Amino acid sequence: MIDAMGSGQMDLVLMQAGAQAIRILHNRGGGSFEELDTATMGLAAHGHAVACAVGDYDGDGLNDLAVALEDRVLLFTISVTGNSKTSRPNRHFCRATAHRALRLWIMTTMAIWIFF
């Protein structure tokens, strides 16, 4: 679960196999959910997703999303744009896995989690 929209409601993160391996169901409140366009939000991933973890990787106070696929791990950080008091800021996920140091950190961390 992650607050993907910044609404204060916890949204559901679903893992699946296929062209879009990550799905997010936005919590509208009152037990109602709507599916978000995750590709537009920056969460494009193909393959067989098997697990995810939520935490603040980059220390900005916003939860980020790590997704384990069968053959790789992807990390997405949340970027917030638009700071107007009249409208809600836009949230977009940025793929952070491209950084070499991060790939090494993820591989080491995954090895520790698997060993544990």
C-alpha atoms as a PDB file:
ATOM      1  CA  MET A   1       0.000   0.000   0.000  1.00  0.00           C
ATOM      2  CA  ILE A   2       1.209   3.495  -0.852  1.00  0.00           C
ATOM      3  CA  ASP A   3      -0.368   6.944  -1.031  1.00  0.00           C
ATOM      4  CA  ALA A   4       0.332   7.305  -4.750  1.00  0.00           C
ATOM      5  CA  MET A   5      -1.836  10.395  -5.274  1.00  0.00           C
ATOM      6  CA  GLY A   6      -1.020  12.313  -2.086  1.00  0.00           C
ATOM      7  CA  SER A   7      -4.649  12.176  -1.010  1.00  0.00           C
ATOM      8  CA  GLY A   8      -3.943  10.831   2.459  1.00  0.00           C
ATOM      9  CA  GLN A   9      -5.624   7.526   1.509  1.00  0.00           C
ATOM     10  CA  MET A  10      -3.604   4.336   1.137  1.00  0.00           C
ATOM     11  CA  ASP A  11      -3.816   2.958  -2.399  1.00  0.00           C
ATOM     12  CA  LEU A  12      -3.372  -0.701  -3.327  1.00  0.00           C
ATOM     13  CA  VAL A  13      -0.316  -1.800  -5.311  1.00  0.00           C
ATOM     14  CA  LEU A  14      -0.920  -4.981  -7.309  1.00  0.00           C
ATOM     15  CA  MET A  15       1.703  -7.168  -8.945  1.00  0.00           C
ATOM     16  CA  GLN A  16       0.988  -9.152 -12.100  1.00  0.00           C
ATOM     17  CA  ALA A  17       2.648 -10.599 -15.181  1.00  0.00           C
ATOM     18  CA  GLY A  18       2.544  -9.006 -18.596  1.00  0.00           C
ATOM     19  CA  ALA A  19       3.111  -5.741 -20.410  1.00  0.00           C
ATOM     20  CA  GLN A  20       2.086  -3.726 -17.343  1.00  0.00           C
ATOM     21  CA  ALA A  21       3.339  -5.616 -14.302  1.00  0.00           C
ATOM     22  CA  ILE A  22       2.374  -2.932 -11.769  1.00  0.00           C
ATOM     23  CA  ARG A  23      -1.184  -1.800 -11.104  1.00  0.00           C
ATOM     24  CA  ILE A  24      -2.403   0.761  -8.584  1.00  0.00           C
ATOM     25  CA  LEU A  25      -5.952   0.991  -7.321  1.00  0.00           C
ATOM     26  CA  HIS A  26      -6.592   4.470  -5.914  1.00  0.00           C
ATOM     27  CA  ASN A  27      -8.573   4.530  -2.672  1.00  0.00           C
ATOM     28  CA  ARG A  28     -11.477   6.946  -3.191  1.00  0.00           C
ATOM     29  CA  GLY A  29     -12.745   6.341   0.342  1.00  0.00           C
ATOM     30  CA  GLY A  30     -15.821   4.494   1.498  1.00  0.00           C
ATOM     31  CA  GLY A  31     -14.502   1.185   0.151  1.00  0.00           C
ATOM     32  CA  SER A  32     -14.360   2.487  -3.432  1.00  0.00           C
ATOM     33  CA  PHE A  33     -11.279   2.102  -5.667  1.00  0.00           C
ATOM     34  CA  GLU A  34     -10.409   3.207  -9.192  1.00  0.00           C
ATOM     35  CA  GLU A  35      -7.546   1.951 -11.349  1.00  0.00           C
ATOM     36  CA  LEU A  36      -4.848   4.501 -12.163  1.00  0.00           C
ATOM     37  CA  ASP A  37      -2.890   4.678 -15.412  1.00  0.00           C
ATOM     38  CA  THR A  38       0.427   3.528 -13.953  1.00  0.00           C
ATOM     39  CA  ALA A  39       2.343   3.962 -17.216  1.00  0.00           C
ATOM     40  CA  THR A  40       1.395   7.648 -17.292  1.00  0.00           C
ATOM     41  CA  MET A  41       2.432   7.939 -13.633  1.00  0.00           C
ATOM     42  CA  GLY A  42       5.926   6.655 -14.494  1.00  0.00           C
ATOM     43  CA  LEU A  43       5.439   3.078 -13.278  1.00  0.00           C
ATOM     44  CA  ALA A  44       5.887   1.337 -16.611  1.00  0.00           C
ATOM     45  CA  ALA A  45       7.298  -2.163 -16.119  1.00  0.00           C
ATOM     46  CA  HIS A  46       6.927  -5.370 -18.090  1.00  0.00           C
ATOM     47  CA  GLY A  47       7.567  -8.903 -16.913  1.00  0.00           C
ATOM     48  CA  HIS A  48       6.443 -11.003 -13.983  1.00  0.00           C
ATOM     49  CA  ALA A  49       6.243  -8.926 -10.799  1.00  0.00           C
ATOM     50  CA  VAL A  50       6.475 -11.035  -7.656  1.00  0.00           C
ATOM     51  CA  ALA A  51       6.736  -8.574  -4.739  1.00  0.00           C
ATOM     52  CA  CYS A  52       6.966  -4.938  -3.778  1.00  0.00           C
ATOM     53  CA  ALA A  53       8.139  -2.875  -0.821  1.00  0.00           C
ATOM     54  CA  VAL A  54       7.337   0.699   0.156  1.00  0.00           C
ATOM     55  CA  GLY A  55       9.724   3.004   2.003  1.00  0.00           C
ATOM     56  CA  ASP A  56      11.486   6.358   1.815  1.00  0.00           C
ATOM     57  CA  TYR A  57      14.645   5.418  -0.112  1.00  0.00           C
ATOM     58  CA  ASP A  58      15.799   8.936  -1.000  1.00  0.00           C
ATOM     59  CA  GLY A  59      15.042  10.621   2.344  1.00  0.00           C
ATOM     60  CA  ASP A  60      12.594  13.217   0.984  1.00  0.00           C
ATOM     61  CA  GLY A  61       9.776  12.255   3.356  1.00  0.00           C
ATOM     62  CA  LEU A  62       7.730  10.547   0.619  1.00  0.00           C
ATOM     63  CA  ASN A  63       7.343   6.803   0.275  1.00  0.00           C
ATOM     64  CA  ASP A  64       9.022   5.225  -2.743  1.00  0.00           C
ATOM     65  CA  LEU A  65       8.234   1.883  -4.384  1.00  0.00           C
ATOM     66  CA  ALA A  66      10.592  -1.052  -4.981  1.00  0.00           C
ATOM     67  CA  VAL A  67       9.279  -3.814  -7.254  1.00  0.00           C
ATOM     68  CA  ALA A  68      10.858  -7.252  -7.586  1.00  0.00           C
ATOM     69  CA  LEU A  69      10.333  -8.940 -10.930  1.00  0.00           C
ATOM     70  CA  GLU A  70      11.521 -12.445 -11.762  1.00  0.00           C
ATOM     71  CA  ASP A  71      14.700 -11.146 -13.381  1.00  0.00           C
ATOM     72  CA  ARG A  72      15.331  -7.692 -11.859  1.00  0.00           C
ATOM     73  CA  VAL A  73      14.422  -5.177  -9.175  1.00  0.00           C
ATOM     74  CA  LEU A  74      13.107  -1.717 -10.002  1.00  0.00           C
ATOM     75  CA  LEU A  75      13.026   1.284  -7.679  1.00  0.00           C
ATOM     76  CA  PHE A  76      10.671   4.184  -8.303  1.00  0.00           C
ATOM     77  CA  THR A  77      10.889   7.408  -6.309  1.00  0.00           C
ATOM     78  CA  ILE A  78       8.034   9.910  -6.070  1.00  0.00           C
ATOM     79  CA  SER A  79       8.571  13.349  -7.557  1.00  0.00           C
ATOM     80  CA  VAL A  80       6.168  16.155  -6.646  1.00  0.00           C
ATOM     81  CA  THR A  81       5.626  19.083  -9.016  1.00  0.00           C
ATOM     82  CA  GLY A  82       3.373  22.090  -8.691  1.00  0.00           C
ATOM     83  CA  ASN A  83       3.225  23.674  -5.289  1.00  0.00           C
ATOM     84  CA  SER A  84       0.172  25.852  -5.707  1.00  0.00           C
ATOM     85  CA  LYS A  85      -2.099  26.344  -2.710  1.00  0.00           C
ATOM     86  CA  THR A  86      -5.105  26.355  -5.046  1.00  0.00           C
ATOM     87  CA  SER A  87      -4.486  22.899  -6.524  1.00  0.00           C
ATOM     88  CA  ARG A  88      -3.070  19.609  -5.345  1.00  0.00           C
ATOM     89  CA  PRO A  89       0.569  19.047  -6.374  1.00  0.00           C
ATOM     90  CA  ASN A  90       1.118  16.477  -9.122  1.00  0.00           C
ATOM     91  CA  ARG A  91       2.905  13.264  -8.192  1.00  0.00           C
ATOM     92  CA  HIS A  92       4.953  11.291 -10.658  1.00  0.00           C
ATOM     93  CA  PHE A  93       7.159   8.241 -10.157  1.00  0.00           C
ATOM     94  CA  CYS A  94      10.729   8.403 -11.456  1.00  0.00           C
ATOM     95  CA  ARG A  95      12.674   5.249 -12.173  1.00  0.00           C
ATOM     96  CA  ALA A  96      15.784   5.405  -9.983  1.00  0.00           C
ATOM     97  CA  THR A  97      17.188   1.965 -10.804  1.00  0.00           C
ATOM     98  CA  ALA A  98      19.435   3.304 -13.563  1.00  0.00           C
ATOM     99  CA  HIS A  99      22.032   4.524 -11.076  1.00  0.00           C
ATOM    100  CA  ARG A 100      24.885   1.991 -10.784  1.00  0.00           C
ATOM    101  CA  ALA A 101      25.321   2.489  -7.032  1.00  0.00           C
ATOM    102  CA  LEU A 102      21.614   1.868  -6.525  1.00  0.00           C
ATOM    103  CA  ARG A 103      21.694  -1.373  -8.538  1.00  0.00           C
ATOM    104  CA  LEU A 104      24.539  -2.595  -6.331  1.00  0.00           C
ATOM    105  CA  TRP A 105      22.680  -1.540  -3.168  1.00  0.00           C
ATOM    106  CA  ILE A 106      19.509  -3.335  -4.314  1.00  0.00           C
ATOM    107  CA  MET A 107      21.396  -6.518  -5.199  1.00  0.00           C
ATOM    108  CA  THR A 108      23.125  -6.513  -1.798  1.00  0.00           C
ATOM    109  CA  THR A 109      19.904  -5.762   0.051  1.00  0.00           C
ATOM    110  CA  MET A 110      17.989  -8.449  -1.832  1.00  0.00           C
ATOM    111  CA  ALA A 111      20.694 -10.981  -0.980  1.00  0.00           C
ATOM    112  CA  ILE A 112      20.354 -10.059   2.692  1.00  0.00           C
ATOM    113  CA  TRP A 113      16.542 -10.292   2.584  1.00  0.00           C
ATOM    114  CA  ILE A 114      16.692 -13.657   0.829  1.00  0.00           C
ATOM    115  CA  PHE A 115      19.271 -14.957   3.302  1.00  0.00           C
ATOM    116  CA  PHE A 116      17.205 -13.777   6.260  1.00  0.00           C
END
